Protein backbone atom coordinates (compact mmCIF):
# COMPACT_ATOMS: atom_id res chain seq x y z
CA MET A 1 -11.33 -33.01 -5.67
CA PRO A 2 -11.46 -31.32 -2.26
CA GLY A 3 -9.71 -27.87 -2.95
CA ILE A 4 -10.52 -27.98 -6.98
CA ALA A 5 -12.80 -25.42 -8.55
CA PHE A 6 -13.14 -25.16 -12.04
CA GLN A 7 -14.90 -22.12 -14.21
CA ARG A 8 -18.65 -22.40 -14.27
CA ILE A 9 -19.15 -20.58 -18.39
CA ARG A 10 -23.11 -20.64 -17.95
CA PRO A 11 -25.28 -21.17 -21.40
CA ALA A 12 -25.67 -17.04 -22.28
CA ASP A 13 -21.96 -17.20 -21.57
CA ARG A 14 -19.35 -16.17 -24.38
CA SER A 15 -15.83 -17.82 -24.06
CA SER A 16 -12.87 -18.58 -26.08
CA PHE A 17 -11.89 -20.93 -24.30
CA LYS A 18 -8.21 -20.45 -24.65
CA ASP A 19 -6.84 -21.79 -20.63
CA PHE A 20 -8.17 -24.09 -18.68
CA SER A 21 -7.66 -22.52 -15.42
CA VAL A 22 -8.71 -24.54 -12.32
CA ARG A 23 -8.92 -23.01 -8.78
CA ILE A 24 -7.38 -23.96 -5.81
CA ARG A 25 -8.51 -23.79 -2.25
CA ALA A 26 -5.18 -24.18 -0.40
CA ALA A 27 -6.63 -25.52 2.86
CA GLU A 28 -8.43 -28.09 1.49
CA PHE A 29 -6.64 -29.19 -1.56
CA GLY A 30 -3.52 -28.83 0.96
CA LEU A 31 -1.39 -27.50 -1.37
CA THR A 32 -1.05 -23.32 -2.48
CA ARG A 33 -1.18 -22.96 -6.02
CA ASP A 34 2.37 -21.69 -5.47
CA GLN A 35 3.63 -24.63 -3.99
CA VAL A 36 1.61 -26.81 -7.39
CA ALA A 37 2.87 -25.13 -10.22
CA THR A 38 6.06 -25.64 -7.86
CA ALA A 39 4.88 -29.17 -7.66
CA LEU A 40 4.22 -30.01 -11.11
CA ALA A 41 7.10 -27.85 -12.85
CA ALA A 42 9.06 -30.64 -11.47
CA GLU A 43 7.56 -33.45 -13.12
CA GLY A 44 7.47 -31.52 -16.39
CA ILE A 45 4.47 -30.06 -16.72
CA ASP A 46 3.49 -26.38 -17.56
CA THR A 47 1.73 -24.14 -15.93
CA ARG A 48 0.62 -20.60 -15.44
CA ALA A 49 -0.50 -18.58 -12.80
CA TYR A 50 -2.73 -15.59 -15.47
CA TYR A 51 -3.31 -12.41 -14.82
CA VAL A 52 -1.46 -12.39 -11.94
CA PRO A 53 -1.24 -9.47 -10.66
CA PRO A 54 -5.00 -7.77 -10.95
CA VAL A 55 -4.82 -4.64 -13.57
CA HIS A 56 -5.70 -2.79 -10.92
CA ARG A 57 -2.03 -3.97 -8.55
CA THR A 58 -0.47 -3.10 -12.10
CA ARG A 59 1.74 -0.20 -11.85
CA ALA A 60 -0.30 1.65 -14.72
CA PHE A 61 -2.44 1.36 -12.12
CA ALA A 62 -0.78 3.02 -9.99
CA ALA A 63 -2.58 5.87 -8.34
CA VAL A 64 -5.87 4.52 -8.39
CA GLY A 65 -5.16 0.73 -7.95
CA PRO A 66 -5.60 1.26 -4.31
CA ALA A 67 -9.17 2.56 -4.28
CA PHE A 68 -10.63 -0.74 -5.88
CA GLU A 69 -8.84 -3.43 -3.36
CA GLU A 70 -11.67 -2.89 -0.72
CA ARG A 71 -14.71 -3.41 -3.70
CA LEU A 72 -12.41 -6.86 -5.56
CA PRO A 73 -12.23 -9.23 -2.55
CA GLN A 74 -13.26 -12.02 -5.56
CA THR A 75 -10.07 -10.89 -7.82
CA ALA A 76 -7.75 -10.57 -4.26
CA ALA A 77 -8.77 -14.12 -2.97
CA LEU A 78 -8.54 -15.42 -7.21
CA CYS A 79 -4.73 -13.90 -7.43
CA ASP A 80 -3.41 -16.33 -4.90
CA GLU A 81 -5.53 -18.98 -6.40
CA ILE A 82 -5.88 -19.56 -10.16
CA LEU A 83 -3.62 -22.19 -11.74
CA THR A 84 -3.71 -22.16 -15.26
CA LEU A 85 -3.12 -25.78 -16.79
CA PRO A 86 -1.61 -27.41 -19.69
CA ASP A 87 -4.07 -26.77 -22.67
CA TYR A 88 -3.41 -26.72 -25.98
CA GLY A 89 -4.25 -28.44 -29.52
CA ARG A 90 -2.37 -30.90 -29.66
CA LEU A 91 -2.50 -31.97 -26.52
CA THR A 92 -3.34 -35.35 -25.64
CA ALA A 93 -5.43 -37.65 -23.83
CA GLU A 94 -2.18 -39.31 -22.27
CA HIS A 95 -1.28 -35.65 -20.66
CA VAL A 96 -4.87 -34.32 -19.59
CA GLU A 97 -4.59 -38.35 -17.84
CA ARG A 98 -1.60 -37.51 -16.51
CA VAL A 99 -1.70 -34.05 -15.17
CA ALA A 100 -4.99 -35.22 -13.46
CA ALA A 101 -2.87 -38.11 -12.07
CA CYS A 102 -0.52 -35.26 -10.58
CA MET A 103 -3.19 -33.44 -9.16
CA MET A 104 -4.20 -36.33 -7.50
CA ALA A 105 -1.46 -37.77 -6.46
CA LEU A 106 0.01 -33.99 -5.13
CA HIS A 107 -3.55 -34.22 -2.84
CA GLU A 108 -3.13 -37.27 -1.81
CA ARG A 109 0.53 -36.32 -0.13
CA ALA A 110 0.05 -33.43 0.51
CA PRO A 111 1.58 -33.31 4.01
CA SER A 112 4.96 -34.60 2.62
CA VAL A 113 5.38 -32.37 -0.89
CA ARG A 114 4.88 -29.99 1.10
CA GLN A 115 7.64 -30.47 3.21
CA ALA A 116 10.14 -32.04 0.33
CA LEU A 117 9.16 -27.80 -0.34
CA GLY A 118 10.77 -25.84 2.51
CA GLY A 119 7.37 -25.43 3.89
CA ALA A 120 5.33 -25.96 7.14
């Protein structure tokens, strides 16, 4: 699907597979991460924008965090684009298919969804 990228887990990597996050590139998908989250919530699909804000932007790192901003361009980009989709032990195949169908519909109807959400 245009504008959707999945996390790459290389064979040498270790992962808990705790979250299923996708990167939403608004220019290609047609909607921002926040617009997608709002639209999915309207369909009863719970999502999260985990790790937002990134650690260097939290209050705990206020004194040193700004020094890292220029050195972390990927972090800044991901901060606005990552959305975690439902992923839990009792997730059924039907629910996975419903989420996928909603994502496809959002992409296909992006202009009208943006308008309905009050965006340009």
